[in-house]
Amino acid sequence: MKAVSLDLSSKEDRSRLCEVDLPVPPLRSGEVRVRTKAVSFNPIDVQIRRSRLEDKPLWSPILGRDLAGVVEAVAADVTAFRPGDEVFSNVCNRSSSGTYAELVNIPHELAAKKPSSLNWQEAAALPVAGTTAMLALDRAAASASTSLFIARGAGGVGSFAIVLAQRMGLRRLIVTARREDSRRHLIDALRVPPDQILDSNYSAFFDMAVARNEGLFDVTLDLVGGRMLSTCCRLVAVDGRVVSATEFPSVDDGEFLFERNASFCAIGAHAHSLSEDRRAWATYRARLDELARCFDGGELPPPRVTVVGPFSVHTVERAHALLEQGAVQGKLTMVF
């Protein structure tokens, strides 16, 4: 099988990518083998590639977490799927490799039946970003009456968080966008009213956010980190919640949370997969099944995806460059 891998032989540029031809990995107990039809790209892919420069251990030199594809074979003890099933998955770090590969063996608990209403690239866009957004709103205990601030609403997780918030009837929403194309994506694709979008480049956007919301926020969702996480900590109201998919707040930011009796919630889409108890992995299929029902039932619009190109080193490099530039609206995908 062919895959796009980190070039482990490179000493000059340890983040360089190359195409490799590898044996088909043998199926282990509880696994399904999936022939990949499409994958999507996530910031974690870029972060793992960069981590080679710091000599951090790699789970696999083949990167990628999201895929949609067709089951080609199943282990003898798997009854949930059979060859020919169309599935999608966040493989976490429990599969035979990352998803930039023609074939991937996946624990059956991490896969779910693909939404029939979505094409391959749309389905591949869902697992990491969609379940992260679901987890964020769950941890925030968000409801229709919640006031919600989302830092970087036009990216993958932000886009899903917005449509899920709209689905629950939440109307007190303020989101940020640094670029005009991101602003257009929020308005045209996600139907966010223009007066709910703030340009985070402005030095006065903190005051503008408070003014637009007529006060501090019940929940702030940080998808940026750094200074934006600090801003999210300062925007939260008494008894509010800061939810972040990036990092922990600084000591100074923690003081703000303490003074306001506010809580901080870290979210990670891979957390349950770290358990050695496979029963914990079942949460992945449950969330993917819920997403599939929402799309197939017409409760959520198809996600906006951009096909960067066909399976190749060039496509992966281009997608990673766009992620590094912050020039992404919705999700980037690669087709096989």
Protein backbone atom coordinates (compact mmCIF):
# COMPACT_ATOMS: atom_id res chain seq x y z
CA MET A 1 0.00 0.00 0.00
CA LYS A 2 1.07 3.60 -0.56
CA ALA A 3 1.21 6.21 2.20
CA VAL A 4 2.55 9.71 2.81
CA SER A 5 5.02 9.55 5.68
CA LEU A 6 7.49 11.67 7.52
CA ASP A 7 10.91 11.07 6.00
CA LEU A 8 12.65 9.32 8.89
CA SER A 9 15.91 9.20 6.94
CA SER A 10 16.16 12.97 6.62
CA LYS A 11 18.67 14.58 8.96
CA GLU A 12 18.52 18.07 7.44
CA ASP A 13 14.74 18.56 7.57
CA ARG A 14 13.11 16.20 10.05
CA SER A 15 9.62 17.41 9.14
CA ARG A 16 9.98 16.51 5.44
CA LEU A 17 7.34 14.26 3.88
CA CYS A 18 7.78 11.46 1.36
CA GLU A 19 5.70 8.77 -0.35
CA VAL A 20 6.34 5.20 0.81
CA ASP A 21 5.18 1.77 -0.32
CA LEU A 22 4.52 -0.50 2.66
CA PRO A 23 3.14 -4.01 3.27
CA VAL A 24 -0.53 -4.23 4.17
CA PRO A 25 -0.65 -4.30 7.99
CA PRO A 26 -2.03 -7.54 9.46
CA LEU A 27 -5.38 -7.36 11.21
CA ARG A 28 -5.33 -7.60 14.98
CA SER A 29 -8.15 -8.65 17.27
CA GLY A 30 -11.05 -6.19 17.24
CA GLU A 31 -9.93 -4.35 14.09
CA VAL A 32 -11.43 -3.51 10.72
CA ARG A 33 -9.33 -2.77 7.63
CA VAL A 34 -10.54 0.32 5.77
CA ARG A 35 -9.64 1.34 2.22
CA THR A 36 -9.40 5.11 2.44
CA LYS A 37 -11.58 7.24 0.16
CA ALA A 38 -10.92 10.65 1.72
CA VAL A 39 -9.13 12.19 4.70
CA SER A 40 -9.24 15.62 6.27
CA PHE A 41 -6.47 17.68 7.80
CA ASN A 42 -6.32 18.98 11.38
CA PRO A 43 -3.96 21.33 13.23
CA ILE A 44 -2.79 18.35 15.29
CA ASP A 45 -1.28 16.91 12.10
CA VAL A 46 0.95 19.96 11.75
CA GLN A 47 1.79 19.96 15.45
CA ILE A 48 2.90 16.32 15.34
CA ARG A 49 5.01 16.97 12.25
CA ARG A 50 6.70 19.89 13.97
CA SER A 51 7.28 17.87 17.14
CA ARG A 52 9.94 15.85 15.35
CA LEU A 53 12.13 18.92 15.66
CA GLU A 54 11.90 18.54 19.43
CA ASP A 55 12.67 14.79 19.43
CA LYS A 56 9.25 13.90 20.79
CA PRO A 57 8.21 10.27 20.31
CA LEU A 58 6.01 9.54 17.30
CA TRP A 59 3.02 7.23 17.38
CA SER A 60 3.40 6.74 13.61
CA PRO A 61 5.41 8.52 10.92
CA ILE A 62 2.21 8.42 8.84
CA LEU A 63 0.14 11.35 10.07
CA GLY A 64 -3.62 11.99 9.97
CA ARG A 65 -6.57 11.32 12.28
CA ASP A 66 -9.72 11.59 10.10
CA LEU A 67 -10.89 9.30 7.32
CA ALA A 68 -13.88 8.00 5.42
CA GLY A 69 -13.68 4.77 3.46
CA VAL A 70 -14.89 1.24 2.77
CA VAL A 71 -14.36 -1.74 5.06
CA GLU A 72 -12.21 -4.27 3.21
CA ALA A 73 -11.78 -6.91 5.92
CA VAL A 74 -12.71 -7.53 9.56
CA ALA A 75 -11.08 -9.53 12.33
CA ALA A 76 -12.81 -12.77 13.31
CA ASP A 77 -14.15 -11.28 16.54
CA VAL A 78 -15.74 -8.18 14.94
CA THR A 79 -19.51 -8.30 14.37
CA ALA A 80 -20.34 -4.59 14.09
CA PHE A 81 -19.08 -4.28 10.50
CA ARG A 82 -18.60 -6.39 7.41
CA PRO A 83 -16.72 -5.91 4.13
CA GLY A 84 -18.35 -3.30 1.93
CA ASP A 85 -19.61 -1.10 4.79
CA GLU A 86 -18.98 2.61 4.32
CA VAL A 87 -17.50 4.09 7.50
CA PHE A 88 -15.85 7.18 8.94
CA SER A 89 -13.49 7.42 11.90
CA ASN A 90 -11.23 9.43 14.16
CA VAL A 91 -8.46 6.85 14.46
CA CYS A 92 -6.84 8.63 17.45
CA ASN A 93 -3.52 6.84 18.02
CA ARG A 94 -4.91 3.30 18.12
CA SER A 95 -4.85 2.32 14.44
CA SER A 96 -2.11 0.67 12.38
CA SER A 97 -0.99 4.13 11.24
CA GLY A 98 -2.30 7.60 10.60
CA THR A 99 -4.80 8.13 7.81
CA TYR A 100 -2.54 9.42 5.01
CA ALA A 101 -2.51 5.84 3.72
CA GLU A 102 -4.48 3.71 1.27
CA LEU A 103 -5.29 1.11 3.93
CA VAL A 104 -5.68 1.59 7.70
CA ASN A 105 -6.57 -0.98 10.38
CA ILE A 106 -8.85 0.60 12.98
CA PRO A 107 -10.28 -0.70 16.28
CA HIS A 108 -13.96 -1.22 15.47
CA GLU A 109 -15.00 0.96 18.43
CA LEU A 110 -13.49 4.01 16.70
CA ALA A 111 -15.50 3.64 13.49
CA ALA A 112 -19.13 4.30 12.62
CA LYS A 113 -21.37 3.96 9.57
CA LYS A 114 -20.82 6.90 7.21
CA PRO A 115 -23.73 9.37 6.91
CA SER A 116 -25.51 8.35 3.70
CA SER A 117 -26.36 11.97 2.88
CA LEU A 118 -22.70 13.06 2.72
CA ASN A 119 -20.03 12.38 0.14
CA TRP A 120 -16.63 10.93 1.08
CA GLN A 121 -14.86 14.23 1.68
CA GLU A 122 -17.73 15.66 3.72
CA ALA A 123 -17.79 12.55 5.91
CA ALA A 124 -14.01 12.66 6.35
CA ALA A 125 -14.32 16.24 7.62
CA LEU A 126 -16.48 15.25 10.58
CA PRO A 127 -14.74 13.00 13.11
CA VAL A 128 -12.13 15.15 14.90
CA ALA A 129 -13.66 18.60 14.43
CA GLY A 130 -17.27 17.48 14.85
CA THR A 131 -16.74 15.45 17.99
CA THR A 132 -14.47 18.14 19.48
CA ALA A 133 -17.20 20.73 18.96
CA MET A 134 -19.80 18.40 20.49
CA LEU A 135 -17.56 17.80 23.48
CA ALA A 136 -16.92 21.53 23.91
CA LEU A 137 -20.61 22.39 24.04
CA ASP A 138 -21.33 19.45 26.32
CA ARG A 139 -18.57 20.43 28.75
CA ALA A 140 -19.79 24.02 28.65
CA ALA A 141 -23.33 22.86 29.52
CA ALA A 142 -24.50 25.17 26.73
CA SER A 143 -28.21 25.73 26.15
CA ALA A 144 -30.42 28.03 24.12
CA SER A 145 -30.07 30.78 26.75
CA THR A 146 -26.26 30.63 26.93
CA SER A 147 -24.19 33.58 25.75
CA LEU A 148 -21.26 32.13 23.82
CA PHE A 149 -18.02 33.64 22.51
CA ILE A 150 -16.06 31.56 19.98
CA ALA A 151 -12.50 32.50 19.12
CA ARG A 152 -11.88 31.54 15.45
CA GLY A 153 -15.34 30.57 14.33
CA ALA A 154 -14.46 29.89 10.68
CA GLY A 155 -12.11 26.93 11.25
CA GLY A 156 -13.09 23.29 11.43
CA VAL A 157 -14.05 23.03 15.11
CA GLY A 158 -15.48 26.55 15.19
CA SER A 159 -17.70 25.89 12.18
CA PHE A 160 -19.14 22.76 13.76
CA ALA A 161 -19.58 24.52 17.12
CA ILE A 162 -21.59 27.25 15.41
CA VAL A 163 -23.97 24.90 13.57
CA LEU A 164 -24.43 22.77 16.69
CA ALA A 165 -25.16 25.90 18.75
CA GLN A 166 -27.66 27.05 16.12
CA ARG A 167 -29.28 23.61 16.22
CA MET A 168 -29.90 23.97 19.96
CA GLY A 169 -31.44 27.41 19.40
CA LEU A 170 -28.57 29.44 20.86
CA ARG A 171 -28.79 33.04 19.61
CA ARG A 172 -26.47 35.03 21.91
CA LEU A 173 -23.35 34.29 19.90
CA ILE A 174 -20.23 36.34 19.10
CA VAL A 175 -17.42 34.90 16.95
CA THR A 176 -14.08 36.21 15.71
CA ALA A 177 -12.59 36.25 12.23
CA ARG A 178 -9.20 37.69 11.28
CA ARG A 179 -9.62 37.52 7.49
CA GLU A 180 -12.27 38.74 5.08
CA ASP A 181 -12.67 35.27 3.52
CA SER A 182 -13.30 33.87 7.01
CA ARG A 183 -15.94 36.53 7.60
CA ARG A 184 -17.64 35.65 4.30
CA HIS A 185 -17.59 31.96 5.26
CA LEU A 186 -19.32 32.76 8.55
CA ILE A 187 -21.99 34.84 6.82
CA ASP A 188 -22.58 32.82 3.65
CA ALA A 189 -21.97 29.23 4.74
CA LEU A 190 -22.91 29.34 8.43
CA ARG A 191 -25.55 32.10 8.36
CA VAL A 192 -23.96 34.08 11.19
CA PRO A 193 -25.38 37.63 11.27
CA PRO A 194 -22.67 40.23 10.45
CA ASP A 195 -23.19 42.02 13.77
CA GLN A 196 -22.17 38.81 15.59
CA ILE A 197 -18.74 38.72 13.90
CA LEU A 198 -15.76 40.64 15.28
CA ASP A 199 -12.37 41.24 13.67
CA SER A 200 -9.89 40.12 16.32
CA ASN A 201 -7.19 42.28 14.70
CA TYR A 202 -8.72 45.36 16.30
CA SER A 203 -7.16 46.38 19.62
CA ALA A 204 -10.61 47.33 20.95
CA PHE A 205 -12.35 44.08 20.05
CA PHE A 206 -12.58 43.03 23.74
CA ASP A 207 -14.76 46.06 24.50
CA MET A 208 -16.72 45.49 21.30
CA ALA A 209 -17.42 41.87 22.30
CA VAL A 210 -18.73 42.94 25.71
CA ALA A 211 -20.83 45.68 24.13
CA ARG A 212 -22.34 43.38 21.52
CA ASN A 213 -23.19 40.81 24.18
CA GLU A 214 -24.36 43.50 26.65
CA GLY A 215 -22.06 42.03 29.27
CA LEU A 216 -19.56 39.25 29.86
CA PHE A 217 -20.19 35.74 28.50
CA ASP A 218 -21.53 32.60 30.12
CA VAL A 219 -19.13 30.53 28.00
CA THR A 220 -16.02 31.34 25.99
CA LEU A 221 -14.56 28.78 23.58
CA ASP A 222 -10.87 29.17 22.76
CA LEU A 223 -9.62 27.59 19.53
CA VAL A 224 -6.53 29.80 19.15
CA GLY A 225 -4.47 29.77 22.34
CA GLY A 226 -1.94 32.33 23.55
CA ARG A 227 -3.29 35.87 23.85
CA MET A 228 -6.72 34.77 22.68
CA LEU A 229 -6.99 32.29 25.55
CA SER A 230 -6.15 35.14 27.91
CA THR A 231 -8.90 37.20 26.29
CA CYS A 232 -11.36 34.33 26.70
CA CYS A 233 -10.51 34.17 30.42
CA ARG A 234 -11.19 37.90 30.75
CA LEU A 235 -14.43 37.75 28.78
CA VAL A 236 -16.04 35.12 31.00
CA ALA A 237 -18.72 36.14 33.50
CA VAL A 238 -19.07 35.19 37.15
CA ASP A 239 -19.83 31.45 37.40
CA GLY A 240 -18.97 31.14 33.69
CA ARG A 241 -16.89 28.55 31.86
CA VAL A 242 -13.83 28.79 29.63
CA VAL A 243 -13.45 25.84 27.28
CA SER A 244 -10.19 25.40 25.35
CA ALA A 245 -8.92 22.95 22.77
CA THR A 246 -5.44 24.50 22.80
CA GLU A 247 -3.67 24.87 26.16
CA PHE A 248 -4.00 25.71 29.84
CA PRO A 249 -4.32 29.31 31.04
CA SER A 250 -1.42 31.15 32.60
CA VAL A 251 -1.21 31.91 36.32
CA ASP A 252 -2.47 35.46 35.67
CA ASP A 253 -5.39 34.13 33.64
CA GLY A 254 -6.13 31.69 36.43
CA GLU A 255 -6.45 34.63 38.82
CA PHE A 256 -9.21 36.08 36.63
CA LEU A 257 -11.06 32.77 36.71
CA PHE A 258 -10.64 32.51 40.48
CA GLU A 259 -11.98 36.02 41.05
CA ARG A 260 -15.07 35.23 38.99
CA ASN A 261 -15.66 31.74 40.33
CA ALA A 262 -15.32 30.60 36.73
CA SER A 263 -14.23 27.14 35.62
CA PHE A 264 -11.77 26.03 32.96
CA CYS A 265 -12.39 22.94 30.84
CA ALA A 266 -9.73 21.40 28.61
CA ILE A 267 -11.05 19.30 25.73
CA GLY A 268 -9.23 16.71 23.65
CA ALA A 269 -10.84 14.46 21.06
CA HIS A 270 -8.30 11.71 21.77
CA ALA A 271 -8.75 11.51 25.56
CA HIS A 272 -10.89 8.35 25.77
CA SER A 273 -8.53 6.47 23.45
CA LEU A 274 -5.73 6.82 26.02
CA SER A 275 -7.52 4.33 28.27
CA GLU A 276 -6.46 0.69 28.06
CA ASP A 277 -10.10 -0.24 28.74
CA ARG A 278 -11.66 -0.67 25.28
CA ARG A 279 -15.09 0.05 26.73
CA ALA A 280 -14.02 3.69 27.00
CA TRP A 281 -13.44 3.79 23.24
CA ALA A 282 -17.15 3.20 22.57
CA THR A 283 -17.77 6.91 23.14
CA TYR A 284 -16.28 7.57 19.67
CA ARG A 285 -18.84 5.49 17.80
CA ALA A 286 -21.63 6.94 19.92
CA ARG A 287 -20.68 10.52 19.01
CA LEU A 288 -20.09 9.67 15.35
CA ASP A 289 -23.48 7.92 15.21
CA GLU A 290 -25.10 11.02 16.70
CA LEU A 291 -23.45 13.23 14.09
CA ALA A 292 -24.54 10.88 11.31
CA ARG A 293 -28.15 11.00 12.53
CA CYS A 294 -28.07 14.81 12.60
CA PHE A 295 -26.81 15.05 9.02
CA ASP A 296 -28.99 12.30 7.59
CA GLY A 297 -32.01 13.75 9.41
CA GLY A 298 -31.44 17.20 7.91
CA GLU A 299 -30.78 18.82 11.30
CA LEU A 300 -27.33 19.99 10.20
CA PRO A 301 -26.20 21.31 6.81
CA PRO A 302 -23.39 19.50 4.97
CA PRO A 303 -20.01 20.77 6.18
CA ARG A 304 -18.05 23.11 3.96
CA VAL A 305 -15.01 21.29 2.62
CA THR A 306 -12.22 22.26 0.28
CA VAL A 307 -10.57 19.44 -1.67
CA VAL A 308 -6.90 20.39 -1.66
CA GLY A 309 -6.07 17.67 -4.16
CA PRO A 310 -5.61 13.94 -4.77
CA PHE A 311 -3.54 11.67 -2.55
CA SER A 312 0.06 12.86 -2.86
CA VAL A 313 2.92 14.42 -0.93
CA HIS A 314 2.21 17.73 -2.67
CA THR A 315 -1.40 17.76 -1.47
CA VAL A 316 -0.37 17.07 2.14
CA GLU A 317 2.31 19.77 2.02
CA ARG A 318 -0.13 22.32 0.59
CA ALA A 319 -2.79 21.51 3.22
CA HIS A 320 -0.28 21.81 6.06
CA ALA A 321 0.93 25.15 4.70
CA LEU A 322 -2.64 26.50 4.64
CA LEU A 323 -3.19 25.35 8.23
CA GLU A 324 0.05 27.01 9.32
CA GLN A 325 -1.02 30.27 7.66
CA GLY A 326 -4.43 30.19 9.36
CA ALA A 327 -5.96 30.43 5.88
CA VAL A 328 -8.67 27.79 6.32
CA GLN A 329 -12.44 28.11 6.31
CA GLY A 330 -14.24 24.91 7.20
CA LYS A 331 -12.19 21.77 6.51
CA LEU A 332 -9.44 20.79 4.07
CA THR A 333 -9.61 17.32 2.54
CA MET A 334 -7.64 14.93 0.30
CA VAL A 335 -9.27 12.32 -1.92
CA PHE A 336 -7.94 8.87 -2.89
